[in-house]
Amino acid sequence: MNIEKLIDQIRPMAHVRSWCFDDHRGHLDRSHVMLMVYQEWIDQLGDTYGTCHEVTKEMAKEFPELQRVRGHYFCWVWGEREHWWLTNGDEVIDPTASQFPSKGGGEYEEWEGPEPTGMCPNCGEYCYNHEQVHEHCHDEFVRSL
């Protein structure tokens, strides 16, 4: 997307979108414009329930300035949930916030720890360090073969 073209389209709507200007001289604030661009992309999505991993990958590919973040989202209705979102360095951009009753109004907490390398086929929990099955699941898993 050509940001300069978008700015030219928005500039005549200054009376409607005055919040996206950085001063009273009519200079556009690029970060506000980009938030509008992100929201336009997000608005094209359908139902996003359970798709945060895939949708954030797609959005990061479309907007390479965004960084994917894995962690937990604290919804005031459902409680803590594993979740993926994006950031532009300053703000959370959550393309799947609509899947939560709190619509992104909760707290985001980035995961700080080892990244999982797979899922245990026995219990469904994350595995780390390229292990195929948790040690405590190994015997049960072998019996099920």
C-alpha atoms as a PDB file:
ATOM      1  CA  MET A   1       0.000   0.000   0.000  1.00  0.00           C
ATOM      2  CA  ASN A   2       1.296   3.445  -0.912  1.00  0.00           C
ATOM      3  CA  ILE A   3       1.201   5.528   2.273  1.00  0.00           C
ATOM      4  CA  GLU A   4       1.606   8.819   0.389  1.00  0.00           C
ATOM      5  CA  LYS A   5      -1.476   8.050  -1.704  1.00  0.00           C
ATOM      6  CA  LEU A   6      -3.425   7.226   1.430  1.00  0.00           C
ATOM      7  CA  ILE A   7      -2.341  10.472   3.091  1.00  0.00           C
ATOM      8  CA  ASP A   8      -3.513  12.397   0.025  1.00  0.00           C
ATOM      9  CA  GLN A   9      -6.907  10.694   0.317  1.00  0.00           C
ATOM     10  CA  ILE A  10      -7.245  11.428   4.034  1.00  0.00           C
ATOM     11  CA  ARG A  11      -6.014  15.041   3.995  1.00  0.00           C
ATOM     12  CA  PRO A  12      -9.293  16.507   2.592  1.00  0.00           C
ATOM     13  CA  MET A  13     -11.188  14.764   5.414  1.00  0.00           C
ATOM     14  CA  ALA A  14      -9.298  16.687   8.089  1.00  0.00           C
ATOM     15  CA  HIS A  15     -12.512  17.920   9.671  1.00  0.00           C
ATOM     16  CA  VAL A  16     -13.641  14.314  10.162  1.00  0.00           C
ATOM     17  CA  ARG A  17     -10.268  12.781  11.040  1.00  0.00           C
ATOM     18  CA  SER A  18      -8.685  15.672  12.925  1.00  0.00           C
ATOM     19  CA  TRP A  19      -7.260  13.275  15.521  1.00  0.00           C
ATOM     20  CA  CYS A  20      -4.839  11.882  12.943  1.00  0.00           C
ATOM     21  CA  PHE A  21      -3.016  15.187  12.505  1.00  0.00           C
ATOM     22  CA  ASP A  22      -0.016  15.945  14.677  1.00  0.00           C
ATOM     23  CA  ASP A  23      -0.549  19.691  14.861  1.00  0.00           C
ATOM     24  CA  HIS A  24      -2.959  22.425  13.843  1.00  0.00           C
ATOM     25  CA  ARG A  25      -1.090  23.116  10.600  1.00  0.00           C
ATOM     26  CA  GLY A  26      -2.553  19.972   9.006  1.00  0.00           C
ATOM     27  CA  HIS A  27       0.474  17.689   9.071  1.00  0.00           C
ATOM     28  CA  LEU A  28      -0.517  14.061   9.173  1.00  0.00           C
ATOM     29  CA  ASP A  29       0.815  11.895  11.973  1.00  0.00           C
ATOM     30  CA  ARG A  30       2.067   8.761  10.195  1.00  0.00           C
ATOM     31  CA  SER A  31       1.416   6.489  13.187  1.00  0.00           C
ATOM     32  CA  HIS A  32      -2.274   7.423  13.273  1.00  0.00           C
ATOM     33  CA  VAL A  33      -2.569   6.907   9.540  1.00  0.00           C
ATOM     34  CA  MET A  34      -0.987   3.474   9.848  1.00  0.00           C
ATOM     35  CA  LEU A  35      -3.389   2.551  12.654  1.00  0.00           C
ATOM     36  CA  MET A  36      -6.210   3.404  10.252  1.00  0.00           C
ATOM     37  CA  VAL A  37      -4.595   1.254   7.548  1.00  0.00           C
ATOM     38  CA  TYR A  38      -4.233  -1.653   9.986  1.00  0.00           C
ATOM     39  CA  GLN A  39      -7.853  -1.279  11.081  1.00  0.00           C
ATOM     40  CA  GLU A  40      -9.015  -1.308   7.458  1.00  0.00           C
ATOM     41  CA  TRP A  41      -7.127  -4.595   6.946  1.00  0.00           C
ATOM     42  CA  ILE A  42      -8.590  -6.034  10.156  1.00  0.00           C
ATOM     43  CA  ASP A  43     -12.118  -4.982   9.180  1.00  0.00           C
ATOM     44  CA  GLN A  44     -11.885  -7.267   6.131  1.00  0.00           C
ATOM     45  CA  LEU A  45     -11.512 -10.330   8.355  1.00  0.00           C
ATOM     46  CA  GLY A  46     -14.465 -12.527   9.128  1.00  0.00           C
ATOM     47  CA  ASP A  47     -14.818 -14.541  12.312  1.00  0.00           C
ATOM     48  CA  THR A  48     -11.393 -14.668  13.969  1.00  0.00           C
ATOM     49  CA  TYR A  49     -12.102 -17.016  16.869  1.00  0.00           C
ATOM     50  CA  GLY A  50      -9.087 -19.273  17.419  1.00  0.00           C
ATOM     51  CA  THR A  51      -7.112 -17.854  14.483  1.00  0.00           C
ATOM     52  CA  CYS A  52      -4.661 -15.476  16.193  1.00  0.00           C
ATOM     53  CA  HIS A  53      -1.562 -17.499  15.213  1.00  0.00           C
ATOM     54  CA  GLU A  54      -2.455 -17.619  11.516  1.00  0.00           C
ATOM     55  CA  VAL A  55      -3.922 -14.106  11.228  1.00  0.00           C
ATOM     56  CA  THR A  56      -0.937 -12.434  12.902  1.00  0.00           C
ATOM     57  CA  LYS A  57       1.378 -14.269  10.481  1.00  0.00           C
ATOM     58  CA  GLU A  58      -0.664 -12.978   7.531  1.00  0.00           C
ATOM     59  CA  MET A  59      -0.784  -9.426   8.861  1.00  0.00           C
ATOM     60  CA  ALA A  60       2.952  -9.371   9.623  1.00  0.00           C
ATOM     61  CA  LYS A  61       3.604 -10.504   6.059  1.00  0.00           C
ATOM     62  CA  GLU A  62       1.394  -7.696   4.732  1.00  0.00           C
ATOM     63  CA  PHE A  63       2.897  -5.114   7.119  1.00  0.00           C
ATOM     64  CA  PRO A  64       6.559  -6.057   7.752  1.00  0.00           C
ATOM     65  CA  GLU A  65       7.021  -3.168  10.202  1.00  0.00           C
ATOM     66  CA  LEU A  66       4.844  -5.071  12.687  1.00  0.00           C
ATOM     67  CA  GLN A  67       6.325  -7.652  15.049  1.00  0.00           C
ATOM     68  CA  ARG A  68       4.439 -10.759  16.161  1.00  0.00           C
ATOM     69  CA  VAL A  69       4.167 -11.297  19.906  1.00  0.00           C
ATOM     70  CA  ARG A  70       3.187 -14.474  21.723  1.00  0.00           C
ATOM     71  CA  GLY A  71       1.875 -14.363  25.243  1.00  0.00           C
ATOM     72  CA  HIS A  72      -1.294 -14.189  27.261  1.00  0.00           C
ATOM     73  CA  TYR A  73      -4.325 -11.992  26.985  1.00  0.00           C
ATOM     74  CA  PHE A  74      -6.320 -11.343  30.149  1.00  0.00           C
ATOM     75  CA  CYS A  75      -9.988 -11.009  29.186  1.00  0.00           C
ATOM     76  CA  TRP A  76     -12.178  -9.672  31.985  1.00  0.00           C
ATOM     77  CA  VAL A  77     -14.858 -12.262  31.080  1.00  0.00           C
ATOM     78  CA  TRP A  78     -12.911 -15.401  30.120  1.00  0.00           C
ATOM     79  CA  GLY A  79      -9.747 -14.870  32.142  1.00  0.00           C
ATOM     80  CA  GLU A  80      -6.247 -15.662  30.897  1.00  0.00           C
ATOM     81  CA  ARG A  81      -5.853 -17.037  27.366  1.00  0.00           C
ATOM     82  CA  GLU A  82      -2.818 -17.942  25.258  1.00  0.00           C
ATOM     83  CA  HIS A  83      -2.734 -15.457  22.405  1.00  0.00           C
ATOM     84  CA  TRP A  84      -0.774 -13.910  19.516  1.00  0.00           C
ATOM     85  CA  TRP A  85      -0.880 -10.216  18.585  1.00  0.00           C
ATOM     86  CA  LEU A  86       1.319  -7.645  16.839  1.00  0.00           C
ATOM     87  CA  THR A  87       3.083  -4.489  17.907  1.00  0.00           C
ATOM     88  CA  ASN A  88       4.469  -1.484  16.081  1.00  0.00           C
ATOM     89  CA  GLY A  89       6.854  -0.875  18.976  1.00  0.00           C
ATOM     90  CA  ASP A  90       4.501   1.426  20.849  1.00  0.00           C
ATOM     91  CA  GLU A  91       1.042  -0.039  20.531  1.00  0.00           C
ATOM     92  CA  VAL A  92      -0.685  -3.401  20.469  1.00  0.00           C
ATOM     93  CA  ILE A  93      -2.326  -4.197  17.150  1.00  0.00           C
ATOM     94  CA  ASP A  94      -4.582  -7.178  17.726  1.00  0.00           C
ATOM     95  CA  PRO A  95      -6.322  -8.315  14.546  1.00  0.00           C
ATOM     96  CA  THR A  96      -8.315 -10.968  16.425  1.00  0.00           C
ATOM     97  CA  ALA A  97      -9.376  -8.925  19.463  1.00  0.00           C
ATOM     98  CA  SER A  98     -13.005  -9.296  18.376  1.00  0.00           C
ATOM     99  CA  GLN A  99     -12.923 -12.973  19.403  1.00  0.00           C
ATOM    100  CA  PHE A 100     -12.941 -11.922  23.061  1.00  0.00           C
ATOM    101  CA  PRO A 101     -15.946 -10.485  24.917  1.00  0.00           C
ATOM    102  CA  SER A 102     -13.624  -7.690  26.121  1.00  0.00           C
ATOM    103  CA  LYS A 103     -12.714  -6.869  22.466  1.00  0.00           C
ATOM    104  CA  GLY A 104      -9.045  -6.169  23.278  1.00  0.00           C
ATOM    105  CA  GLY A 105      -9.769  -4.016  26.332  1.00  0.00           C
ATOM    106  CA  GLY A 106      -7.949  -6.459  28.622  1.00  0.00           C
ATOM    107  CA  GLU A 107      -4.259  -6.759  29.422  1.00  0.00           C
ATOM    108  CA  TYR A 108      -1.589  -8.193  27.119  1.00  0.00           C
ATOM    109  CA  GLU A 109       1.437  -9.930  28.627  1.00  0.00           C
ATOM    110  CA  GLU A 110       4.314 -11.054  26.428  1.00  0.00           C
ATOM    111  CA  TRP A 111       5.629 -14.584  27.018  1.00  0.00           C
ATOM    112  CA  GLU A 112       9.140 -14.553  28.390  1.00  0.00           C
ATOM    113  CA  GLY A 113      10.573 -18.012  28.317  1.00  0.00           C
ATOM    114  CA  PRO A 114      11.572 -20.777  25.956  1.00  0.00           C
ATOM    115  CA  GLU A 115       9.669 -21.119  22.716  1.00  0.00           C
ATOM    116  CA  PRO A 116       7.839 -24.404  22.254  1.00  0.00           C
ATOM    117  CA  THR A 117       9.109 -26.626  19.454  1.00  0.00           C
ATOM    118  CA  GLY A 118       6.040 -28.856  19.150  1.00  0.00           C
ATOM    119  CA  MET A 119       3.100 -30.440  20.902  1.00  0.00           C
ATOM    120  CA  CYS A 120       3.049 -33.658  22.874  1.00  0.00           C
ATOM    121  CA  PRO A 121       0.810 -36.083  20.953  1.00  0.00           C
ATOM    122  CA  ASN A 122      -0.260 -37.706  24.211  1.00  0.00           C
ATOM    123  CA  CYS A 123      -1.342 -34.791  26.422  1.00  0.00           C
ATOM    124  CA  GLY A 124      -1.452 -31.929  23.900  1.00  0.00           C
ATOM    125  CA  GLU A 125       0.816 -29.634  25.904  1.00  0.00           C
ATOM    126  CA  TYR A 126       3.797 -27.808  24.434  1.00  0.00           C
ATOM    127  CA  CYS A 127       7.133 -29.620  24.080  1.00  0.00           C
ATOM    128  CA  TYR A 128      10.492 -27.858  24.281  1.00  0.00           C
ATOM    129  CA  ASN A 129      14.035 -28.546  23.053  1.00  0.00           C
ATOM    130  CA  HIS A 130      12.759 -30.643  20.150  1.00  0.00           C
ATOM    131  CA  GLU A 131      11.440 -33.429  22.366  1.00  0.00           C
ATOM    132  CA  GLN A 132       8.742 -35.480  20.656  1.00  0.00           C
ATOM    133  CA  VAL A 133       6.825 -36.541  23.759  1.00  0.00           C
ATOM    134  CA  HIS A 134       7.008 -35.436  27.381  1.00  0.00           C
ATOM    135  CA  GLU A 135       9.013 -37.850  29.481  1.00  0.00           C
ATOM    136  CA  HIS A 136       6.043 -38.416  31.785  1.00  0.00           C
ATOM    137  CA  CYS A 137       3.839 -39.232  28.759  1.00  0.00           C
ATOM    138  CA  HIS A 138       6.274 -41.546  26.999  1.00  0.00           C
ATOM    139  CA  ASP A 139       5.162 -44.853  28.527  1.00  0.00           C
ATOM    140  CA  GLU A 140       1.484 -44.092  28.071  1.00  0.00           C
ATOM    141  CA  PHE A 141       2.113 -42.982  24.492  1.00  0.00           C
ATOM    142  CA  VAL A 142       4.048 -46.143  23.609  1.00  0.00           C
ATOM    143  CA  ARG A 143       1.227 -48.308  25.046  1.00  0.00           C
ATOM    144  CA  SER A 144      -1.278 -46.551  22.801  1.00  0.00           C
ATOM    145  CA  LEU A 145       0.588 -47.459  19.592  1.00  0.00           C
END
